[in-house]
N, C-alpha and C. Protein backbone atom coordinates (compact mmCIF):
# COMPACT_ATOMS: atom_id res chain seq x y z
N MET A 1 -7.16 2.97 -23.23
CA MET A 1 -6.09 3.95 -23.11
C MET A 1 -6.71 5.30 -22.76
N GLY A 2 -5.86 6.15 -22.29
CA GLY A 2 -6.34 7.48 -21.96
C GLY A 2 -5.21 8.35 -21.46
N PHE A 3 -5.56 9.46 -20.87
CA PHE A 3 -4.56 10.36 -20.29
C PHE A 3 -5.19 11.12 -19.13
N HIS A 4 -4.32 11.65 -18.30
CA HIS A 4 -4.77 12.50 -17.20
C HIS A 4 -3.80 13.66 -17.11
N GLU A 5 -4.31 14.85 -16.87
CA GLU A 5 -3.46 16.05 -16.87
C GLU A 5 -2.38 16.01 -15.80
N ASN A 6 -2.56 15.26 -14.71
CA ASN A 6 -1.54 15.19 -13.65
C ASN A 6 -0.47 14.14 -13.92
N ILE A 7 -0.59 13.41 -15.02
CA ILE A 7 0.39 12.35 -15.30
C ILE A 7 0.99 12.58 -16.67
N THR A 8 2.30 12.88 -16.66
CA THR A 8 3.06 13.05 -17.89
C THR A 8 4.42 12.40 -17.67
N ALA A 9 5.29 12.50 -18.66
CA ALA A 9 6.64 11.96 -18.51
C ALA A 9 7.42 12.72 -17.44
N GLU A 10 7.03 13.97 -17.16
CA GLU A 10 7.74 14.80 -16.18
C GLU A 10 6.94 15.05 -14.91
N LYS A 11 5.69 14.63 -14.84
CA LYS A 11 4.82 15.00 -13.74
C LYS A 11 4.03 13.78 -13.27
N PHE A 12 3.88 13.66 -11.96
CA PHE A 12 3.13 12.56 -11.36
C PHE A 12 2.40 13.11 -10.14
N PRO A 13 1.24 12.59 -9.80
CA PRO A 13 0.51 13.12 -8.63
C PRO A 13 1.32 13.02 -7.34
N LYS A 14 1.15 14.01 -6.48
CA LYS A 14 1.77 13.96 -5.15
C LYS A 14 1.29 12.70 -4.45
N GLN A 15 2.21 12.03 -3.72
CA GLN A 15 1.87 10.78 -3.05
C GLN A 15 1.54 11.03 -1.58
N GLY A 16 0.63 10.22 -1.06
CA GLY A 16 0.16 10.36 0.31
C GLY A 16 1.01 9.61 1.31
N THR A 17 0.52 9.54 2.53
CA THR A 17 1.30 8.99 3.65
C THR A 17 1.33 7.46 3.69
N PHE A 18 0.48 6.79 2.93
CA PHE A 18 0.49 5.32 2.94
C PHE A 18 1.50 4.73 1.96
N LEU A 19 2.11 5.55 1.13
CA LEU A 19 3.08 5.05 0.15
C LEU A 19 4.20 4.27 0.85
N HIS A 20 4.46 3.07 0.37
CA HIS A 20 5.48 2.14 0.89
C HIS A 20 5.14 1.54 2.25
N ARG A 21 3.96 1.77 2.74
CA ARG A 21 3.55 1.19 4.02
C ARG A 21 3.06 -0.24 3.81
N ARG A 22 3.26 -1.07 4.83
CA ARG A 22 2.76 -2.44 4.81
C ARG A 22 1.29 -2.43 5.18
N VAL A 23 0.51 -3.26 4.49
CA VAL A 23 -0.92 -3.37 4.74
C VAL A 23 -1.32 -4.84 4.72
N MET A 24 -2.49 -5.11 5.26
CA MET A 24 -3.12 -6.43 5.13
C MET A 24 -4.37 -6.22 4.30
N VAL A 25 -4.56 -7.06 3.29
CA VAL A 25 -5.74 -6.95 2.44
C VAL A 25 -6.59 -8.21 2.56
N CYS A 26 -7.89 -8.04 2.34
CA CYS A 26 -8.80 -9.19 2.28
C CYS A 26 -9.84 -8.89 1.21
N TYR A 27 -10.61 -9.91 0.88
CA TYR A 27 -11.64 -9.78 -0.15
C TYR A 27 -13.01 -10.06 0.45
N HIS A 28 -14.01 -9.32 0.02
CA HIS A 28 -15.39 -9.51 0.45
C HIS A 28 -15.53 -9.50 1.97
N TYR A 29 -14.73 -8.68 2.65
CA TYR A 29 -14.77 -8.50 4.10
C TYR A 29 -14.45 -9.77 4.88
N ASP A 30 -13.80 -10.73 4.24
CA ASP A 30 -13.44 -11.99 4.89
C ASP A 30 -12.07 -11.84 5.55
N THR A 31 -12.06 -11.39 6.81
CA THR A 31 -10.79 -11.14 7.50
C THR A 31 -10.14 -12.42 8.00
N SER A 32 -10.78 -13.57 7.80
CA SER A 32 -10.13 -14.84 8.16
C SER A 32 -9.06 -15.21 7.13
N LYS A 33 -9.06 -14.54 5.99
CA LYS A 33 -8.07 -14.76 4.94
C LYS A 33 -7.48 -13.41 4.55
N GLU A 34 -6.46 -12.99 5.28
CA GLU A 34 -5.79 -11.72 4.99
C GLU A 34 -4.45 -12.01 4.33
N TYR A 35 -4.00 -11.07 3.51
CA TYR A 35 -2.76 -11.22 2.77
C TYR A 35 -1.89 -9.99 2.97
N LYS A 36 -0.57 -10.22 3.13
CA LYS A 36 0.36 -9.10 3.28
C LYS A 36 0.52 -8.40 1.93
N ALA A 37 0.64 -7.09 2.00
CA ALA A 37 0.81 -6.29 0.79
C ALA A 37 1.59 -5.02 1.13
N ILE A 38 2.00 -4.33 0.10
CA ILE A 38 2.70 -3.04 0.24
C ILE A 38 1.99 -2.03 -0.64
N CYS A 39 1.75 -0.87 -0.10
CA CYS A 39 1.14 0.21 -0.88
C CYS A 39 2.21 0.77 -1.82
N ILE A 40 1.98 0.64 -3.12
CA ILE A 40 2.97 1.10 -4.10
C ILE A 40 2.55 2.39 -4.80
N ARG A 41 1.33 2.84 -4.53
CA ARG A 41 0.89 4.13 -5.05
C ARG A 41 -0.23 4.65 -4.18
N ASP A 42 -0.15 5.91 -3.80
CA ASP A 42 -1.16 6.55 -2.95
C ASP A 42 -1.32 8.00 -3.38
N ASP A 43 -2.07 8.21 -4.43
CA ASP A 43 -2.23 9.57 -4.97
C ASP A 43 -2.96 10.47 -3.98
N ALA A 44 -2.34 11.58 -3.63
CA ALA A 44 -2.97 12.60 -2.79
C ALA A 44 -3.67 13.64 -3.67
N GLU A 45 -3.51 13.51 -4.98
CA GLU A 45 -4.14 14.40 -5.95
C GLU A 45 -4.87 13.52 -6.97
N GLU A 46 -5.59 14.17 -7.87
CA GLU A 46 -6.23 13.44 -8.96
C GLU A 46 -5.18 12.69 -9.77
N PRO A 47 -5.43 11.48 -10.19
CA PRO A 47 -6.69 10.76 -10.23
C PRO A 47 -7.04 10.00 -8.96
N GLY A 48 -6.26 10.11 -7.89
CA GLY A 48 -6.63 9.51 -6.60
C GLY A 48 -6.57 8.00 -6.57
N LEU A 49 -5.57 7.43 -7.19
CA LEU A 49 -5.44 5.98 -7.28
C LEU A 49 -4.56 5.45 -6.15
N MET A 50 -4.99 4.34 -5.54
CA MET A 50 -4.16 3.65 -4.54
C MET A 50 -3.98 2.22 -5.02
N LEU A 51 -2.71 1.78 -5.10
CA LEU A 51 -2.40 0.43 -5.58
C LEU A 51 -1.63 -0.33 -4.52
N PHE A 52 -1.90 -1.64 -4.44
CA PHE A 52 -1.19 -2.53 -3.53
C PHE A 52 -0.50 -3.63 -4.32
N TRP A 53 0.68 -4.01 -3.85
CA TRP A 53 1.40 -5.16 -4.37
C TRP A 53 1.22 -6.26 -3.33
N VAL A 54 0.44 -7.27 -3.66
CA VAL A 54 0.14 -8.36 -2.73
C VAL A 54 1.29 -9.36 -2.78
N LEU A 55 1.86 -9.65 -1.62
CA LEU A 55 3.00 -10.56 -1.52
C LEU A 55 2.51 -11.98 -1.33
N GLY A 56 3.24 -12.92 -1.85
CA GLY A 56 2.85 -14.31 -1.67
C GLY A 56 3.19 -15.14 -2.89
N PRO A 57 2.68 -16.35 -2.92
CA PRO A 57 3.01 -17.25 -4.03
C PRO A 57 2.53 -16.72 -5.38
N GLU A 58 1.39 -16.03 -5.39
CA GLU A 58 0.88 -15.42 -6.62
C GLU A 58 0.99 -13.91 -6.47
N THR A 59 1.90 -13.30 -7.20
CA THR A 59 2.03 -11.85 -7.14
C THR A 59 0.80 -11.22 -7.78
N ARG A 60 0.19 -10.31 -7.06
CA ARG A 60 -0.97 -9.59 -7.58
C ARG A 60 -0.81 -8.11 -7.32
N TYR A 61 -1.47 -7.34 -8.14
CA TYR A 61 -1.55 -5.90 -7.94
C TYR A 61 -3.02 -5.54 -7.85
N LEU A 62 -3.41 -4.82 -6.81
CA LEU A 62 -4.81 -4.49 -6.57
C LEU A 62 -5.00 -2.99 -6.44
N ARG A 63 -6.16 -2.53 -6.88
CA ARG A 63 -6.59 -1.17 -6.55
C ARG A 63 -7.29 -1.23 -5.19
N SER A 64 -7.25 -0.16 -4.45
CA SER A 64 -7.89 -0.15 -3.13
C SER A 64 -9.40 -0.37 -3.23
N THR A 65 -9.97 -0.13 -4.39
CA THR A 65 -11.41 -0.33 -4.57
C THR A 65 -11.76 -1.80 -4.82
N GLU A 66 -10.77 -2.66 -4.96
CA GLU A 66 -11.01 -4.08 -5.23
C GLU A 66 -10.88 -4.96 -4.00
N CYS A 67 -10.60 -4.35 -2.85
CA CYS A 67 -10.38 -5.13 -1.64
C CYS A 67 -10.64 -4.24 -0.42
N GLN A 68 -10.51 -4.84 0.76
CA GLN A 68 -10.52 -4.08 2.00
C GLN A 68 -9.10 -4.18 2.56
N TYR A 69 -8.64 -3.14 3.24
CA TYR A 69 -7.27 -3.13 3.73
C TYR A 69 -7.17 -2.43 5.06
N ARG A 70 -6.10 -2.78 5.77
CA ARG A 70 -5.76 -2.05 7.00
C ARG A 70 -4.25 -1.83 6.98
N VAL A 71 -3.86 -0.63 7.34
CA VAL A 71 -2.46 -0.26 7.37
C VAL A 71 -1.83 -0.81 8.64
N LEU A 72 -0.68 -1.46 8.50
CA LEU A 72 0.02 -2.01 9.66
C LEU A 72 0.89 -0.94 10.30
N PRO A 73 1.17 -1.07 11.59
CA PRO A 73 2.05 -0.10 12.25
C PRO A 73 3.43 -0.12 11.60
N GLU A 74 4.08 1.01 11.62
CA GLU A 74 5.44 1.06 11.12
C GLU A 74 6.33 0.21 12.01
N ILE A 75 7.44 -0.25 11.48
CA ILE A 75 8.33 -1.15 12.22
C ILE A 75 8.76 -0.53 13.54
N GLU A 76 9.01 0.76 13.55
CA GLU A 76 9.44 1.42 14.78
C GLU A 76 8.37 1.30 15.87
N ASP A 77 7.10 1.23 15.46
CA ASP A 77 6.02 1.12 16.43
C ASP A 77 5.85 -0.31 16.94
N VAL A 78 6.33 -1.29 16.19
CA VAL A 78 6.13 -2.69 16.52
C VAL A 78 7.22 -3.21 17.44
N TYR A 79 8.46 -2.82 17.18
CA TYR A 79 9.59 -3.37 17.93
C TYR A 79 9.96 -2.47 19.10
N GLY A 80 10.52 -3.10 20.13
CA GLY A 80 10.99 -2.37 21.30
C GLY A 80 12.40 -1.85 21.09
N ASP A 81 12.99 -1.23 22.14
CA ASP A 81 14.32 -0.64 22.05
C ASP A 81 15.40 -1.66 21.71
N GLU A 82 15.32 -2.87 22.26
CA GLU A 82 16.34 -3.89 21.97
C GLU A 82 16.35 -4.26 20.50
N GLU A 83 15.18 -4.40 19.92
CA GLU A 83 15.11 -4.74 18.51
C GLU A 83 15.61 -3.59 17.64
N LYS A 84 15.30 -2.36 18.04
CA LYS A 84 15.77 -1.21 17.28
C LYS A 84 17.30 -1.14 17.29
N GLU A 85 17.90 -1.37 18.46
CA GLU A 85 19.36 -1.34 18.56
C GLU A 85 20.00 -2.45 17.75
N ALA A 86 19.32 -3.58 17.59
CA ALA A 86 19.83 -4.70 16.80
C ALA A 86 19.65 -4.45 15.31
N GLY A 87 18.98 -3.37 14.95
CA GLY A 87 18.79 -3.05 13.55
C GLY A 87 17.56 -3.67 12.92
N LEU A 88 16.66 -4.16 13.76
CA LEU A 88 15.44 -4.77 13.23
C LEU A 88 14.36 -3.74 13.02
């Protein structure tokens, strides 16, 4: 247990730009086995923690220091105009 001055019942660290972004994670630099995940915390201030929620049959939560990751393009960057108009 512990505490950090930036985390209280009323205060939380400012979040960075990767918050809620889709990512692919792998372990031990083995990119042949990547897993979809979502960034659920991206502290832009101390304590500087980044957490991922790994999607799949076994739900896992990882710190960014426990894996390697790459941020996926936002949906708007992936789909063309037809898909955007369809609401995808």
